[in-house]
Amino acid sequence: MDKTLSTLGLAYRARKAVLGEEVLNRIGKVKLMFIASDISEKSRERFEKKCHYYDIVHIDRFDSESLSDALGRNNVKVIGILDEGFKEALLKESE
């Protein structure tokens, strides 16, 4: 598994990540967003607009299967990272 995905799983287990619609509910606290590469165009546009408006960096290099496997969940399309430390680690790893 990719090191970025491992760290993403760790952030989720540490309760420093939110999934799906919860990302939009807590958008003011989101530091980094992962958007699945295979998400629908309508949903992609919706989340990317939020990222642009709130000046949130987003990464879309993983598909929903990879994101789901990393978190041990099903059908994960969007993940919001709430912690600055995890944000920095994930950005460094995803370069």
N, C-alpha and C. Protein backbone atom coordinates (compact mmCIF):
# COMPACT_ATOMS: atom_id res chain seq x y z
N MET A 1 0.84 -1.18 0.00
CA MET A 1 0.00 0.00 0.00
C MET A 1 0.89 1.25 0.00
N ASP A 2 0.44 2.24 -0.69
CA ASP A 2 1.11 3.52 -0.78
C ASP A 2 1.22 4.15 0.63
N LYS A 3 2.34 4.81 0.90
CA LYS A 3 2.55 5.42 2.22
C LYS A 3 1.50 6.50 2.51
N THR A 4 1.09 7.22 1.48
CA THR A 4 0.06 8.24 1.66
C THR A 4 -1.24 7.60 2.15
N LEU A 5 -1.60 6.46 1.55
CA LEU A 5 -2.83 5.78 1.95
C LEU A 5 -2.72 5.23 3.37
N SER A 6 -1.55 4.78 3.76
CA SER A 6 -1.34 4.30 5.13
C SER A 6 -1.54 5.43 6.13
N THR A 7 -0.98 6.59 5.82
CA THR A 7 -1.12 7.76 6.70
C THR A 7 -2.58 8.22 6.74
N LEU A 8 -3.25 8.12 5.62
CA LEU A 8 -4.66 8.48 5.55
C LEU A 8 -5.49 7.58 6.47
N GLY A 9 -5.19 6.28 6.46
CA GLY A 9 -5.86 5.35 7.35
C GLY A 9 -5.59 5.68 8.81
N LEU A 10 -4.37 6.06 9.12
CA LEU A 10 -4.00 6.44 10.48
C LEU A 10 -4.77 7.69 10.92
N ALA A 11 -4.89 8.67 10.03
CA ALA A 11 -5.64 9.89 10.34
C ALA A 11 -7.11 9.56 10.62
N TYR A 12 -7.66 8.64 9.86
CA TYR A 12 -9.06 8.25 10.06
C TYR A 12 -9.23 7.56 11.41
N ARG A 13 -8.33 6.65 11.74
CA ARG A 13 -8.42 5.95 13.02
C ARG A 13 -8.20 6.89 14.20
N ALA A 14 -7.44 7.96 13.98
CA ALA A 14 -7.21 8.96 15.03
C ALA A 14 -8.35 9.99 15.09
N ARG A 15 -9.38 9.78 14.29
CA ARG A 15 -10.55 10.68 14.22
C ARG A 15 -10.17 12.09 13.78
N LYS A 16 -9.20 12.17 12.90
CA LYS A 16 -8.79 13.45 12.34
C LYS A 16 -9.19 13.58 10.88
N ALA A 17 -10.17 12.74 10.47
CA ALA A 17 -10.66 12.76 9.10
C ALA A 17 -12.17 12.55 9.10
N VAL A 18 -12.85 13.17 8.15
CA VAL A 18 -14.29 12.98 7.97
C VAL A 18 -14.54 12.51 6.54
N LEU A 19 -15.66 11.82 6.34
CA LEU A 19 -15.96 11.23 5.04
C LEU A 19 -17.24 11.79 4.44
N GLY A 20 -17.31 11.78 3.13
CA GLY A 20 -18.53 12.09 2.40
C GLY A 20 -19.14 13.44 2.70
N GLU A 21 -20.45 13.43 2.93
CA GLU A 21 -21.18 14.67 3.17
C GLU A 21 -20.73 15.38 4.45
N GLU A 22 -20.18 14.63 5.39
CA GLU A 22 -19.68 15.22 6.63
C GLU A 22 -18.56 16.23 6.33
N VAL A 23 -17.86 16.03 5.21
CA VAL A 23 -16.82 16.98 4.79
C VAL A 23 -17.45 18.35 4.59
N LEU A 24 -18.61 18.39 3.93
CA LEU A 24 -19.27 19.67 3.68
C LEU A 24 -19.83 20.27 4.96
N ASN A 25 -20.27 19.43 5.88
CA ASN A 25 -20.81 19.93 7.15
C ASN A 25 -19.72 20.56 8.01
N ARG A 26 -18.48 20.11 7.86
CA ARG A 26 -17.37 20.62 8.67
C ARG A 26 -16.31 21.31 7.80
N ILE A 27 -16.73 21.87 6.68
CA ILE A 27 -15.81 22.42 5.68
C ILE A 27 -14.90 23.51 6.26
N GLY A 28 -15.35 24.24 7.25
CA GLY A 28 -14.53 25.29 7.85
C GLY A 28 -13.32 24.76 8.59
N LYS A 29 -13.35 23.48 8.98
CA LYS A 29 -12.24 22.88 9.72
C LYS A 29 -11.37 21.98 8.85
N VAL A 30 -11.78 21.74 7.62
CA VAL A 30 -11.03 20.84 6.73
C VAL A 30 -9.77 21.54 6.24
N LYS A 31 -8.63 20.85 6.36
CA LYS A 31 -7.33 21.39 5.95
C LYS A 31 -6.88 20.85 4.60
N LEU A 32 -7.32 19.63 4.27
CA LEU A 32 -6.91 18.95 3.05
C LEU A 32 -8.03 18.01 2.65
N MET A 33 -8.29 17.91 1.34
CA MET A 33 -9.37 17.05 0.88
C MET A 33 -8.85 16.06 -0.15
N PHE A 34 -9.26 14.81 0.00
CA PHE A 34 -9.00 13.77 -1.00
C PHE A 34 -10.30 13.51 -1.72
N ILE A 35 -10.27 13.64 -3.04
CA ILE A 35 -11.44 13.38 -3.87
C ILE A 35 -11.09 12.21 -4.77
N ALA A 36 -11.93 11.18 -4.77
CA ALA A 36 -11.67 9.99 -5.58
C ALA A 36 -11.63 10.37 -7.06
N SER A 37 -10.70 9.77 -7.78
CA SER A 37 -10.55 10.08 -9.20
C SER A 37 -11.74 9.60 -10.02
N ASP A 38 -12.51 8.66 -9.49
CA ASP A 38 -13.65 8.12 -10.23
C ASP A 38 -15.00 8.62 -9.71
N ILE A 39 -15.00 9.75 -9.02
CA ILE A 39 -16.24 10.35 -8.53
C ILE A 39 -17.00 10.95 -9.72
N SER A 40 -18.30 11.09 -9.60
CA SER A 40 -19.10 11.66 -10.69
C SER A 40 -18.69 13.12 -10.94
N GLU A 41 -18.89 13.56 -12.15
CA GLU A 41 -18.50 14.94 -12.51
C GLU A 41 -19.25 15.97 -11.69
N LYS A 42 -20.53 15.73 -11.45
CA LYS A 42 -21.33 16.67 -10.67
C LYS A 42 -20.79 16.80 -9.25
N SER A 43 -20.47 15.67 -8.63
CA SER A 43 -19.93 15.68 -7.27
C SER A 43 -18.54 16.30 -7.25
N ARG A 44 -17.71 15.96 -8.25
CA ARG A 44 -16.36 16.53 -8.33
C ARG A 44 -16.45 18.06 -8.38
N GLU A 45 -17.31 18.56 -9.22
CA GLU A 45 -17.46 20.00 -9.38
C GLU A 45 -17.89 20.64 -8.05
N ARG A 46 -18.82 19.99 -7.37
CA ARG A 46 -19.32 20.51 -6.09
C ARG A 46 -18.21 20.60 -5.04
N PHE A 47 -17.42 19.53 -4.91
CA PHE A 47 -16.35 19.54 -3.91
C PHE A 47 -15.20 20.45 -4.32
N GLU A 48 -14.86 20.49 -5.60
CA GLU A 48 -13.78 21.37 -6.04
C GLU A 48 -14.14 22.84 -5.87
N LYS A 49 -15.41 23.19 -6.04
CA LYS A 49 -15.84 24.57 -5.80
C LYS A 49 -15.66 24.94 -4.33
N LYS A 50 -15.99 24.01 -3.45
CA LYS A 50 -15.80 24.26 -2.01
C LYS A 50 -14.31 24.42 -1.69
N CYS A 51 -13.48 23.59 -2.31
CA CYS A 51 -12.03 23.69 -2.09
C CYS A 51 -11.52 25.05 -2.54
N HIS A 52 -11.99 25.49 -3.69
CA HIS A 52 -11.55 26.78 -4.20
C HIS A 52 -12.02 27.92 -3.29
N TYR A 53 -13.28 27.89 -2.89
CA TYR A 53 -13.84 28.95 -2.06
C TYR A 53 -13.15 29.04 -0.70
N TYR A 54 -12.91 27.89 -0.07
CA TYR A 54 -12.30 27.86 1.26
C TYR A 54 -10.79 27.73 1.21
N ASP A 55 -10.21 27.77 0.04
CA ASP A 55 -8.75 27.68 -0.16
C ASP A 55 -8.18 26.41 0.48
N ILE A 56 -8.77 25.27 0.10
CA ILE A 56 -8.36 23.96 0.60
C ILE A 56 -7.66 23.21 -0.53
N VAL A 57 -6.49 22.68 -0.23
CA VAL A 57 -5.77 21.86 -1.20
C VAL A 57 -6.51 20.54 -1.34
N HIS A 58 -6.66 20.06 -2.59
CA HIS A 58 -7.29 18.75 -2.77
C HIS A 58 -6.41 17.86 -3.65
N ILE A 59 -6.49 16.57 -3.38
CA ILE A 59 -5.71 15.56 -4.10
C ILE A 59 -6.69 14.59 -4.72
N ASP A 60 -6.50 14.27 -5.98
CA ASP A 60 -7.44 13.36 -6.65
C ASP A 60 -6.71 12.25 -7.42
N ARG A 61 -5.61 11.77 -6.89
CA ARG A 61 -4.85 10.75 -7.61
C ARG A 61 -5.23 9.32 -7.24
N PHE A 62 -6.12 9.13 -6.26
CA PHE A 62 -6.54 7.80 -5.86
C PHE A 62 -7.99 7.55 -6.24
N ASP A 63 -8.31 6.31 -6.62
CA ASP A 63 -9.70 5.98 -6.92
C ASP A 63 -10.42 5.60 -5.63
N SER A 64 -11.74 5.44 -5.72
CA SER A 64 -12.52 5.18 -4.51
C SER A 64 -12.19 3.83 -3.88
N GLU A 65 -11.79 2.86 -4.68
CA GLU A 65 -11.41 1.56 -4.13
C GLU A 65 -10.17 1.68 -3.25
N SER A 66 -9.17 2.44 -3.71
CA SER A 66 -7.95 2.63 -2.92
C SER A 66 -8.24 3.38 -1.62
N LEU A 67 -9.06 4.43 -1.71
CA LEU A 67 -9.41 5.19 -0.51
C LEU A 67 -10.21 4.32 0.47
N SER A 68 -11.13 3.53 -0.06
CA SER A 68 -11.94 2.65 0.78
C SER A 68 -11.07 1.61 1.49
N ASP A 69 -10.16 1.00 0.75
CA ASP A 69 -9.26 0.00 1.33
C ASP A 69 -8.38 0.60 2.43
N ALA A 70 -7.92 1.82 2.22
CA ALA A 70 -7.05 2.47 3.20
C ALA A 70 -7.77 2.70 4.53
N LEU A 71 -9.08 2.95 4.46
CA LEU A 71 -9.84 3.25 5.66
C LEU A 71 -10.60 2.06 6.21
N GLY A 72 -10.64 0.97 5.44
CA GLY A 72 -11.40 -0.19 5.87
C GLY A 72 -12.90 0.05 5.80
N ARG A 73 -13.32 0.89 4.88
CA ARG A 73 -14.74 1.24 4.69
C ARG A 73 -15.14 0.89 3.26
N ASN A 74 -16.41 1.03 2.96
CA ASN A 74 -16.92 0.80 1.62
C ASN A 74 -17.31 2.11 0.95
N ASN A 75 -17.02 2.21 -0.34
CA ASN A 75 -17.51 3.29 -1.17
C ASN A 75 -17.13 4.68 -0.67
N VAL A 76 -15.87 4.89 -0.36
CA VAL A 76 -15.38 6.20 0.09
C VAL A 76 -15.02 7.03 -1.14
N LYS A 77 -15.64 8.18 -1.28
CA LYS A 77 -15.39 9.06 -2.43
C LYS A 77 -14.66 10.34 -2.05
N VAL A 78 -14.89 10.82 -0.82
CA VAL A 78 -14.30 12.09 -0.38
C VAL A 78 -13.86 11.96 1.08
N ILE A 79 -12.65 12.45 1.35
CA ILE A 79 -12.12 12.45 2.71
C ILE A 79 -11.61 13.86 3.02
N GLY A 80 -11.98 14.36 4.16
CA GLY A 80 -11.49 15.66 4.62
C GLY A 80 -10.58 15.46 5.83
N ILE A 81 -9.37 16.00 5.77
CA ILE A 81 -8.41 15.92 6.87
C ILE A 81 -8.59 17.16 7.74
N LEU A 82 -8.75 16.96 9.05
CA LEU A 82 -9.04 18.05 9.98
C LEU A 82 -7.82 18.55 10.75
N ASP A 83 -6.72 17.84 10.67
CA ASP A 83 -5.55 18.14 11.48
C ASP A 83 -4.41 18.68 10.62
N GLU A 84 -3.80 19.76 11.07
CA GLU A 84 -2.71 20.40 10.33
C GLU A 84 -1.49 19.49 10.21
N GLY A 85 -1.16 18.75 11.26
CA GLY A 85 -0.02 17.83 11.23
C GLY A 85 -0.20 16.73 10.20
N PHE A 86 -1.39 16.14 10.15
CA PHE A 86 -1.66 15.11 9.14
C PHE A 86 -1.65 15.72 7.74
N LYS A 87 -2.15 16.94 7.63
CA LYS A 87 -2.14 17.61 6.32
C LYS A 87 -0.71 17.73 5.79
N GLU A 88 0.19 18.22 6.63
CA GLU A 88 1.58 18.40 6.22
C GLU A 88 2.22 17.07 5.85
N ALA A 89 1.99 16.04 6.67
CA ALA A 89 2.57 14.72 6.40
C ALA A 89 2.03 14.15 5.08
N LEU A 90 0.74 14.28 4.85
CA LEU A 90 0.14 13.75 3.63
C LEU A 90 0.59 14.51 2.38
N LEU A 91 0.73 15.80 2.49
CA LEU A 91 1.22 16.58 1.35
C LEU A 91 2.67 16.22 1.02
N LYS A 92 3.48 16.04 2.04
CA LYS A 92 4.88 15.67 1.84
C LYS A 92 4.99 14.29 1.18
N GLU A 93 4.16 13.35 1.65
CA GLU A 93 4.20 12.00 1.09
C GLU A 93 3.64 11.91 -0.32
N SER A 94 2.72 12.77 -0.66
CA SER A 94 2.07 12.68 -1.97
C SER A 94 2.82 13.44 -3.07
N GLU A 95 3.95 14.04 -2.75
CA GLU A 95 4.74 14.77 -3.76
C GLU A 95 5.38 13.82 -4.73
